[in-house]
PDB file of N, CA and C in Angstrom:
ATOM      1  N   UNK A   1     -25.880  18.419 -10.723  1.00  0.00           N
ATOM      2  CA  UNK A   1     -25.561  17.381  -9.751  1.00  0.00           C
ATOM      3  C   UNK A   1     -26.585  16.219  -9.831  1.00  0.00           C
ATOM      4  N   UNK A   2     -26.101  15.079  -9.568  1.00  0.00           N
ATOM      5  CA  UNK A   2     -26.999  13.931  -9.663  1.00  0.00           C
ATOM      6  C   UNK A   2     -27.693  13.738  -8.315  1.00  0.00           C
ATOM      7  N   UNK A   3     -29.110  13.526  -8.453  1.00  0.00           N
ATOM      8  CA  UNK A   3     -29.973  13.419  -7.115  1.00  0.00           C
ATOM      9  C   UNK A   3     -29.826  12.094  -6.573  1.00  0.00           C
ATOM     10  N   UNK A   4     -29.663  11.930  -5.230  1.00  0.00           N
ATOM     11  CA  UNK A   4     -29.445  10.582  -4.652  1.00  0.00           C
ATOM     12  C   UNK A   4     -30.469   9.612  -4.820  1.00  0.00           C
ATOM     13  N   UNK A   5     -31.781   9.978  -5.103  1.00  0.00           N
ATOM     14  CA  UNK A   5     -32.722   8.959  -5.237  1.00  0.00           C
ATOM     15  C   UNK A   5     -32.927   8.473  -6.700  1.00  0.00           C
ATOM     16  N   UNK A   6     -32.444   9.130  -7.652  1.00  0.00           N
ATOM     17  CA  UNK A   6     -32.423   8.632  -8.984  1.00  0.00           C
ATOM     18  C   UNK A   6     -31.549   7.375  -9.176  1.00  0.00           C
ATOM     19  N   UNK A   7     -32.041   6.330  -9.888  1.00  0.00           N
ATOM     20  CA  UNK A   7     -31.346   5.120  -9.971  1.00  0.00           C
ATOM     21  C   UNK A   7     -30.950   4.987 -11.441  1.00  0.00           C
ATOM     22  N   UNK A   8     -29.730   4.459 -11.605  1.00  0.00           N
ATOM     23  CA  UNK A   8     -29.082   4.285 -12.901  1.00  0.00           C
ATOM     24  C   UNK A   8     -28.639   2.865 -13.029  1.00  0.00           C
ATOM     25  N   UNK A   9     -28.457   2.323 -14.297  1.00  0.00           N
ATOM     26  CA  UNK A   9     -27.988   1.013 -14.604  1.00  0.00           C
ATOM     27  C   UNK A   9     -27.176   1.150 -15.971  1.00  0.00           C
ATOM     28  N   UNK A  10     -26.432   0.153 -16.195  1.00  0.00           N
ATOM     29  CA  UNK A  10     -25.600   0.101 -17.444  1.00  0.00           C
ATOM     30  C   UNK A  10     -26.601  -0.023 -18.625  1.00  0.00           C
ATOM     31  N   UNK A  11     -26.226   0.544 -19.738  1.00  0.00           N
ATOM     32  CA  UNK A  11     -26.984   0.375 -21.030  1.00  0.00           C
ATOM     33  C   UNK A  11     -26.862  -1.122 -21.370  1.00  0.00           C
ATOM     34  N   UNK A  12     -27.700  -1.560 -22.243  1.00  0.00           N
ATOM     35  CA  UNK A  12     -27.613  -2.909 -22.753  1.00  0.00           C
ATOM     36  C   UNK A  12     -26.542  -3.038 -23.917  1.00  0.00           C
ATOM     37  N   UNK A  13     -26.361  -1.972 -24.629  1.00  0.00           N
ATOM     38  CA  UNK A  13     -25.541  -1.979 -25.853  1.00  0.00           C
ATOM     39  C   UNK A  13     -24.016  -1.486 -25.413  1.00  0.00           C
ATOM     40  N   UNK A  14     -23.284  -2.267 -24.533  1.00  0.00           N
ATOM     41  CA  UNK A  14     -22.004  -1.873 -24.183  1.00  0.00           C
ATOM     42  C   UNK A  14     -21.207  -3.131 -24.119  1.00  0.00           C
ATOM     43  N   UNK A  15     -19.885  -2.872 -24.326  1.00  0.00           N
ATOM     44  CA  UNK A  15     -18.867  -3.887 -24.333  1.00  0.00           C
ATOM     45  C   UNK A  15     -17.885  -3.479 -23.312  1.00  0.00           C
ATOM     46  N   UNK A  16     -17.190  -4.481 -22.656  1.00  0.00           N
ATOM     47  CA  UNK A  16     -16.095  -4.116 -21.764  1.00  0.00           C
ATOM     48  C   UNK A  16     -14.886  -5.018 -22.121  1.00  0.00           C
ATOM     49  N   UNK A  17     -13.757  -4.532 -21.679  1.00  0.00           N
ATOM     50  CA  UNK A  17     -12.502  -5.192 -21.839  1.00  0.00           C
ATOM     51  C   UNK A  17     -11.472  -4.590 -20.940  1.00  0.00           C
ATOM     52  N   UNK A  18     -10.366  -5.324 -20.726  1.00  0.00           N
ATOM     53  CA  UNK A  18      -9.385  -4.809 -19.768  1.00  0.00           C
ATOM     54  C   UNK A  18      -8.235  -4.212 -20.523  1.00  0.00           C
ATOM     55  N   UNK A  19      -7.799  -3.109 -20.076  1.00  0.00           N
ATOM     56  CA  UNK A  19      -6.731  -2.394 -20.537  1.00  0.00           C
ATOM     57  C   UNK A  19      -5.619  -2.129 -19.489  1.00  0.00           C
ATOM     58  N   UNK A  20      -4.488  -2.884 -19.460  1.00  0.00           N
ATOM     59  CA  UNK A  20      -3.594  -2.810 -18.336  1.00  0.00           C
ATOM     60  C   UNK A  20      -4.420  -3.212 -17.103  1.00  0.00           C
ATOM     61  N   UNK A  21      -4.489  -2.335 -16.068  1.00  0.00           N
ATOM     62  CA  UNK A  21      -5.242  -2.714 -14.841  1.00  0.00           C
ATOM     63  C   UNK A  21      -6.576  -1.966 -14.849  1.00  0.00           C
ATOM     64  N   UNK A  22      -6.958  -1.474 -15.935  1.00  0.00           N
ATOM     65  CA  UNK A  22      -8.194  -0.592 -15.956  1.00  0.00           C
ATOM     66  C   UNK A  22      -9.296  -1.315 -16.859  1.00  0.00           C
ATOM     67  N   UNK A  23     -10.530  -0.888 -16.658  1.00  0.00           N
ATOM     68  CA  UNK A  23     -11.672  -1.460 -17.414  1.00  0.00           C
ATOM     69  C   UNK A  23     -12.018  -0.511 -18.501  1.00  0.00           C
ATOM     70  N   UNK A  24     -12.053  -0.971 -19.742  1.00  0.00           N
ATOM     71  CA  UNK A  24     -12.497  -0.157 -20.919  1.00  0.00           C
ATOM     72  C   UNK A  24     -14.003  -0.437 -21.224  1.00  0.00           C
ATOM     73  N   UNK A  25     -14.825   0.520 -21.166  1.00  0.00           N
ATOM     74  CA  UNK A  25     -16.225   0.292 -21.436  1.00  0.00           C
ATOM     75  C   UNK A  25     -16.652   1.216 -22.647  1.00  0.00           C
ATOM     76  N   UNK A  26     -17.316   0.572 -23.637  1.00  0.00           N
ATOM     77  CA  UNK A  26     -17.715   1.156 -24.838  1.00  0.00           C
ATOM     78  C   UNK A  26     -19.234   1.071 -25.191  1.00  0.00           C
ATOM     79  N   UNK A  27     -19.845   1.945 -25.595  1.00  0.00           N
ATOM     80  CA  UNK A  27     -21.237   2.020 -26.070  1.00  0.00           C
ATOM     81  C   UNK A  27     -21.016   1.576 -27.570  1.00  0.00           C
ATOM     82  N   UNK A  28     -21.562   0.360 -27.872  1.00  0.00           N
ATOM     83  CA  UNK A  28     -21.356  -0.201 -29.197  1.00  0.00           C
ATOM     84  C   UNK A  28     -22.206   0.474 -30.334  1.00  0.00           C
ATOM     85  N   UNK A  29     -23.182   1.304 -29.926  1.00  0.00           N
ATOM     86  CA  UNK A  29     -23.894   2.018 -30.895  1.00  0.00           C
ATOM     87  C   UNK A  29     -23.285   3.461 -31.206  1.00  0.00           C
ATOM     88  N   UNK A  30     -22.799   4.138 -30.178  1.00  0.00           N
ATOM     89  CA  UNK A  30     -22.169   5.468 -30.377  1.00  0.00           C
ATOM     90  C   UNK A  30     -20.654   5.400 -30.419  1.00  0.00           C
ATOM     91  N   UNK A  31     -20.149   4.352 -30.000  1.00  0.00           N
ATOM     92  CA  UNK A  31     -18.624   4.192 -29.780  1.00  0.00           C
ATOM     93  C   UNK A  31     -18.116   5.093 -28.749  1.00  0.00           C
ATOM     94  N   UNK A  32     -18.806   5.764 -27.945  1.00  0.00           N
ATOM     95  CA  UNK A  32     -18.439   6.419 -26.803  1.00  0.00           C
ATOM     96  C   UNK A  32     -17.711   5.410 -25.869  1.00  0.00           C
ATOM     97  N   UNK A  33     -16.551   5.862 -25.362  1.00  0.00           N
ATOM     98  CA  UNK A  33     -15.649   4.950 -24.582  1.00  0.00           C
ATOM     99  C   UNK A  33     -15.098   5.684 -23.426  1.00  0.00           C
ATOM    100  N   UNK A  34     -14.866   4.839 -22.362  1.00  0.00           N
ATOM    101  CA  UNK A  34     -14.239   5.386 -21.127  1.00  0.00           C
ATOM    102  C   UNK A  34     -13.379   4.323 -20.531  1.00  0.00           C
ATOM    103  N   UNK A  35     -12.234   4.731 -19.936  1.00  0.00           N
ATOM    104  CA  UNK A  35     -11.447   3.799 -19.137  1.00  0.00           C
ATOM    105  C   UNK A  35     -11.583   4.128 -17.739  1.00  0.00           C
ATOM    106  N   UNK A  36     -11.964   3.094 -17.008  1.00  0.00           N
ATOM    107  CA  UNK A  36     -12.279   3.115 -15.507  1.00  0.00           C
ATOM    108  C   UNK A  36     -11.106   2.541 -14.733  1.00  0.00           C
ATOM    109  N   UNK A  37     -10.737   3.263 -13.765  1.00  0.00           N
ATOM    110  CA  UNK A  37      -9.724   2.659 -12.797  1.00  0.00           C
ATOM    111  C   UNK A  37     -10.360   1.533 -11.979  1.00  0.00           C
ATOM    112  N   UNK A  38      -9.491   0.805 -11.109  1.00  0.00           N
ATOM    113  CA  UNK A  38     -10.196  -0.257 -10.435  1.00  0.00           C
ATOM    114  C   UNK A  38     -11.308   0.007  -9.521  1.00  0.00           C
ATOM    115  N   UNK A  39     -11.178   1.232  -8.832  1.00  0.00           N
ATOM    116  CA  UNK A  39     -12.340   1.616  -8.000  1.00  0.00           C
ATOM    117  C   UNK A  39     -13.607   1.959  -8.817  1.00  0.00           C
ATOM    118  N   UNK A  40     -13.467   2.739  -9.927  1.00  0.00           N
ATOM    119  CA  UNK A  40     -14.566   3.091 -10.853  1.00  0.00           C
ATOM    120  C   UNK A  40     -15.177   1.862 -11.367  1.00  0.00           C
ATOM    121  N   UNK A  41     -14.311   0.801 -11.633  1.00  0.00           N
ATOM    122  CA  UNK A  41     -14.727  -0.452 -12.185  1.00  0.00           C
ATOM    123  C   UNK A  41     -15.717  -1.138 -11.288  1.00  0.00           C
ATOM    124  N   UNK A  42     -15.474  -0.968 -10.032  1.00  0.00           N
ATOM    125  CA  UNK A  42     -16.336  -1.582  -8.945  1.00  0.00           C
ATOM    126  C   UNK A  42     -17.758  -1.007  -9.049  1.00  0.00           C
ATOM    127  N   UNK A  43     -17.797   0.373  -9.253  1.00  0.00           N
ATOM    128  CA  UNK A  43     -18.964   1.057  -9.406  1.00  0.00           C
ATOM    129  C   UNK A  43     -19.713   0.510 -10.634  1.00  0.00           C
ATOM    130  N   UNK A  44     -18.967   0.446 -11.761  1.00  0.00           N
ATOM    131  CA  UNK A  44     -19.544  -0.096 -13.033  1.00  0.00           C
ATOM    132  C   UNK A  44     -20.171  -1.450 -12.772  1.00  0.00           C
ATOM    133  N   UNK A  45     -19.488  -2.394 -12.184  1.00  0.00           N
ATOM    134  CA  UNK A  45     -20.048  -3.679 -11.969  1.00  0.00           C
ATOM    135  C   UNK A  45     -21.270  -3.596 -11.194  1.00  0.00           C
ATOM    136  N   UNK A  46     -21.337  -2.685 -10.199  1.00  0.00           N
ATOM    137  CA  UNK A  46     -22.515  -2.586  -9.348  1.00  0.00           C
ATOM    138  C   UNK A  46     -23.750  -2.115 -10.189  1.00  0.00           C
ATOM    139  N   UNK A  47     -23.394  -1.363 -11.300  1.00  0.00           N
ATOM    140  CA  UNK A  47     -24.460  -0.797 -12.124  1.00  0.00           C
ATOM    141  C   UNK A  47     -25.083  -1.799 -13.097  1.00  0.00           C
ATOM    142  N   UNK A  48     -24.755  -3.128 -13.011  1.00  0.00           N
ATOM    143  CA  UNK A  48     -25.413  -4.196 -13.652  1.00  0.00           C
ATOM    144  C   UNK A  48     -26.954  -4.150 -13.192  1.00  0.00           C
ATOM    145  N   UNK A  49     -27.202  -3.624 -11.956  1.00  0.00           N
ATOM    146  CA  UNK A  49     -28.518  -3.435 -11.386  1.00  0.00           C
ATOM    147  C   UNK A  49     -28.822  -2.066 -11.071  1.00  0.00           C
ATOM    148  N   UNK A  50     -30.036  -1.656 -10.996  1.00  0.00           N
ATOM    149  CA  UNK A  50     -30.317  -0.242 -10.731  1.00  0.00           C
ATOM    150  C   UNK A  50     -29.672   0.171  -9.354  1.00  0.00           C
ATOM    151  N   UNK A  51     -28.981   1.313  -9.444  1.00  0.00           N
ATOM    152  CA  UNK A  51     -28.255   1.835  -8.134  1.00  0.00           C
ATOM    153  C   UNK A  51     -28.484   3.255  -8.133  1.00  0.00           C
ATOM    154  N   UNK A  52     -28.578   3.895  -6.956  1.00  0.00           N
ATOM    155  CA  UNK A  52     -28.602   5.314  -6.776  1.00  0.00           C
ATOM    156  C   UNK A  52     -27.240   5.852  -6.362  1.00  0.00           C
ATOM    157  N   UNK A  53     -27.101   7.052  -6.295  1.00  0.00           N
ATOM    158  CA  UNK A  53     -25.822   7.645  -5.766  1.00  0.00           C
ATOM    159  C   UNK A  53     -25.643   7.193  -4.297  1.00  0.00           C
ATOM    160  N   UNK A  54     -26.679   7.160  -3.526  1.00  0.00           N
ATOM    161  CA  UNK A  54     -26.573   6.709  -2.073  1.00  0.00           C
ATOM    162  C   UNK A  54     -26.079   5.203  -2.076  1.00  0.00           C
ATOM    163  N   UNK A  55     -26.653   4.348  -2.909  1.00  0.00           N
ATOM    164  CA  UNK A  55     -26.318   3.026  -2.962  1.00  0.00           C
ATOM    165  C   UNK A  55     -24.797   2.851  -3.246  1.00  0.00           C
ATOM    166  N   UNK A  56     -24.310   3.518  -4.268  1.00  0.00           N
ATOM    167  CA  UNK A  56     -23.014   3.446  -4.689  1.00  0.00           C
ATOM    168  C   UNK A  56     -22.049   4.089  -3.721  1.00  0.00           C
ATOM    169  N   UNK A  57     -22.323   5.238  -3.108  1.00  0.00           N
ATOM    170  CA  UNK A  57     -21.415   5.786  -2.072  1.00  0.00           C
ATOM    171  C   UNK A  57     -21.390   4.883  -0.869  1.00  0.00           C
ATOM    172  N   UNK A  58     -22.502   4.140  -0.567  1.00  0.00           N
ATOM    173  CA  UNK A  58     -22.465   3.098   0.572  1.00  0.00           C
ATOM    174  C   UNK A  58     -21.628   2.006   0.257  1.00  0.00           C
ATOM    175  N   UNK A  59     -21.632   1.587  -0.960  1.00  0.00           N
ATOM    176  CA  UNK A  59     -20.749   0.433  -1.397  1.00  0.00           C
ATOM    177  C   UNK A  59     -19.279   0.863  -1.180  1.00  0.00           C
ATOM    178  N   UNK A  60     -18.889   1.992  -1.623  1.00  0.00           N
ATOM    179  CA  UNK A  60     -17.481   2.440  -1.458  1.00  0.00           C
ATOM    180  C   UNK A  60     -17.222   2.761  -0.041  1.00  0.00           C
ATOM    181  N   UNK A  61     -18.109   3.186   0.786  1.00  0.00           N
ATOM    182  CA  UNK A  61     -17.844   3.497   2.263  1.00  0.00           C
ATOM    183  C   UNK A  61     -17.482   2.230   2.998  1.00  0.00           C
ATOM    184  N   UNK A  62     -17.943   1.025   2.494  1.00  0.00           N
ATOM    185  CA  UNK A  62     -17.664  -0.213   3.095  1.00  0.00           C
ATOM    186  C   UNK A  62     -16.077  -0.561   2.932  1.00  0.00           C
ATOM    187  N   UNK A  63     -15.534  -0.087   1.818  1.00  0.00           N
ATOM    188  CA  UNK A  63     -14.137  -0.348   1.475  1.00  0.00           C
ATOM    189  C   UNK A  63     -13.252   0.764   2.035  1.00  0.00           C
ATOM    190  N   UNK A  64     -13.737   1.902   1.764  1.00  0.00           N
ATOM    191  CA  UNK A  64     -12.953   3.167   2.263  1.00  0.00           C
ATOM    192  C   UNK A  64     -13.534   3.800   3.524  1.00  0.00           C
ATOM    193  N   UNK A  65     -13.474   2.969   4.594  1.00  0.00           N
ATOM    194  CA  UNK A  65     -14.122   3.251   5.883  1.00  0.00           C
ATOM    195  C   UNK A  65     -13.553   4.728   6.483  1.00  0.00           C
ATOM    196  N   UNK A  66     -12.426   5.055   6.202  1.00  0.00           N
ATOM    197  CA  UNK A  66     -11.792   6.316   6.746  1.00  0.00           C
ATOM    198  C   UNK A  66     -12.343   7.546   5.939  1.00  0.00           C
ATOM    199  N   UNK A  67     -12.881   7.323   4.897  1.00  0.00           N
ATOM    200  CA  UNK A  67     -13.226   8.488   3.956  1.00  0.00           C
ATOM    201  C   UNK A  67     -14.705   8.977   4.398  1.00  0.00           C
ATOM    202  N   UNK A  68     -14.981  10.301   4.413  1.00  0.00           N
ATOM    203  CA  UNK A  68     -16.168  10.888   4.657  1.00  0.00           C
ATOM    204  C   UNK A  68     -17.240  10.515   3.643  1.00  0.00           C
ATOM    205  N   UNK A  69     -18.433  10.216   4.035  1.00  0.00           N
ATOM    206  CA  UNK A  69     -19.409   9.843   3.073  1.00  0.00           C
ATOM    207  C   UNK A  69     -19.782  10.868   2.065  1.00  0.00           C
ATOM    208  N   UNK A  70     -19.715  12.151   2.485  1.00  0.00           N
ATOM    209  CA  UNK A  70     -20.159  13.224   1.524  1.00  0.00           C
ATOM    210  C   UNK A  70     -18.946  13.355   0.499  1.00  0.00           C
ATOM    211  N   UNK A  71     -17.730  13.033   0.861  1.00  0.00           N
ATOM    212  CA  UNK A  71     -16.673  13.018  -0.082  1.00  0.00           C
ATOM    213  C   UNK A  71     -16.761  11.905  -1.092  1.00  0.00           C
ATOM    214  N   UNK A  72     -17.200  10.789  -0.594  1.00  0.00           N
ATOM    215  CA  UNK A  72     -17.390   9.582  -1.519  1.00  0.00           C
ATOM    216  C   UNK A  72     -18.538   9.837  -2.503  1.00  0.00           C
ATOM    217  N   UNK A  73     -19.705  10.567  -2.062  1.00  0.00           N
ATOM    218  CA  UNK A  73     -20.791  10.923  -2.807  1.00  0.00           C
ATOM    219  C   UNK A  73     -20.385  11.723  -3.902  1.00  0.00           C
ATOM    220  N   UNK A  74     -19.481  12.750  -3.586  1.00  0.00           N
ATOM    221  CA  UNK A  74     -19.035  13.689  -4.622  1.00  0.00           C
ATOM    222  C   UNK A  74     -18.179  12.909  -5.727  1.00  0.00           C
ATOM    223  N   UNK A  75     -17.319  12.050  -5.222  1.00  0.00           N
ATOM    224  CA  UNK A  75     -16.568  11.247  -6.116  1.00  0.00           C
ATOM    225  C   UNK A  75     -17.296  10.271  -7.052  1.00  0.00           C
ATOM    226  N   UNK A  76     -18.350   9.692  -6.510  1.00  0.00           N
ATOM    227  CA  UNK A  76     -19.179   8.749  -7.197  1.00  0.00           C
ATOM    228  C   UNK A  76     -19.968   9.578  -8.204  1.00  0.00           C
ATOM    229  N   UNK A  77     -20.558  10.737  -7.823  1.00  0.00           N
ATOM    230  CA  UNK A  77     -21.286  11.633  -8.753  1.00  0.00           C
ATOM    231  C   UNK A  77     -20.403  12.041  -9.960  1.00  0.00           C
ATOM    232  N   UNK A  78     -19.171  12.206  -9.760  1.00  0.00           N
ATOM    233  CA  UNK A  78     -18.260  12.516 -10.805  1.00  0.00           C
ATOM    234  C   UNK A  78     -18.185  11.319 -11.823  1.00  0.00           C
ATOM    235  N   UNK A  79     -18.056  10.136 -11.284  1.00  0.00           N
ATOM    236  CA  UNK A  79     -18.011   8.921 -12.177  1.00  0.00           C
ATOM    237  C   UNK A  79     -19.289   8.724 -12.876  1.00  0.00           C
ATOM    238  N   UNK A  80     -20.339   8.919 -12.142  1.00  0.00           N
ATOM    239  CA  UNK A  80     -21.725   8.792 -12.771  1.00  0.00           C
ATOM    240  C   UNK A  80     -21.935   9.811 -13.956  1.00  0.00           C
ATOM    241  N   UNK A  81     -21.428  11.068 -13.654  1.00  0.00           N
ATOM    242  CA  UNK A  81     -21.662  12.050 -14.642  1.00  0.00           C
ATOM    243  C   UNK A  81     -20.683  11.731 -16.001  1.00  0.00           C
ATOM    244  N   UNK A  82     -19.590  11.222 -15.742  1.00  0.00           N
ATOM    245  CA  UNK A  82     -18.658  10.806 -16.847  1.00  0.00           C
ATOM    246  C   UNK A  82     -19.374   9.650 -17.669  1.00  0.00           C
ATOM    247  N   UNK A  83     -19.993   8.747 -17.023  1.00  0.00           N
ATOM    248  CA  UNK A  83     -20.658   7.633 -17.676  1.00  0.00           C
ATOM    249  C   UNK A  83     -21.870   8.097 -18.388  1.00  0.00           C
ATOM    250  N   UNK A  84     -22.576   9.053 -17.875  1.00  0.00           N
ATOM    251  CA  UNK A  84     -23.791   9.672 -18.499  1.00  0.00           C
ATOM    252  C   UNK A  84     -23.375  10.355 -19.791  1.00  0.00           C
ATOM    253  N   UNK A  85     -22.374  11.186 -19.688  1.00  0.00           N
ATOM    254  CA  UNK A  85     -21.925  11.924 -20.904  1.00  0.00           C
ATOM    255  C   UNK A  85     -21.603  11.037 -22.067  1.00  0.00           C
ATOM    256  N   UNK A  86     -21.007   9.820 -21.681  1.00  0.00           N
ATOM    257  CA  UNK A  86     -20.640   8.907 -22.777  1.00  0.00           C
ATOM    258  C   UNK A  86     -21.810   7.892 -23.106  1.00  0.00           C
ATOM    259  N   UNK A  87     -22.932   8.269 -22.506  1.00  0.00           N
ATOM    260  CA  UNK A  87     -24.204   7.453 -22.876  1.00  0.00           C
ATOM    261  C   UNK A  87     -24.024   5.988 -22.494  1.00  0.00           C
ATOM    262  N   UNK A  88     -23.491   5.781 -21.344  1.00  0.00           N
ATOM    263  CA  UNK A  88     -23.253   4.397 -20.910  1.00  0.00           C
ATOM    264  C   UNK A  88     -24.210   3.920 -19.753  1.00  0.00           C
ATOM    265  N   UNK A  89     -24.988   5.005 -19.291  1.00  0.00           N
ATOM    266  CA  UNK A  89     -25.921   4.775 -18.162  1.00  0.00           C
ATOM    267  C   UNK A  89     -27.323   5.149 -18.606  1.00  0.00           C
ATOM    268  N   UNK A  90     -28.354   4.530 -18.154  1.00  0.00           N
ATOM    269  CA  UNK A  90     -29.703   4.944 -18.362  1.00  0.00           C
ATOM    270  C   UNK A  90     -30.428   5.080 -17.035  1.00  0.00           C
ATOM    271  N   UNK A  91     -31.509   5.889 -16.879  1.00  0.00           N
ATOM    272  CA  UNK A  91     -32.239   5.807 -15.718  1.00  0.00           C
ATOM    273  C   UNK A  91     -33.025   4.574 -15.630  1.00  0.00           C
ATOM    274  N   UNK A  92     -33.045   3.957 -14.400  1.00  0.00           N
ATOM    275  CA  UNK A  92     -33.786   2.801 -14.261  1.00  0.00           C
ATOM    276  C   UNK A  92     -35.128   2.966 -13.652  1.00  0.00           C
TER     277      UNK A  92
END
């Protein structure tokens, strides 16, 4: 599980593009790629700057006000883990 206080940001060697309504993100060195839905794309854009799990869950809680914060944290952690596996995030 991702610790809330750890901060992550996008790697420098990535490219993005749009595929239908989704965001395609690729590590240009490893060619690891992921397609992000519009909500995950918001998280990706926020990761231009160092962000923690708490920061990102807070960002989504502003949009999804009816959603429980713990549920949002779990979903954000899943997105972060997918980005880490594809080597698209680094610890900041």
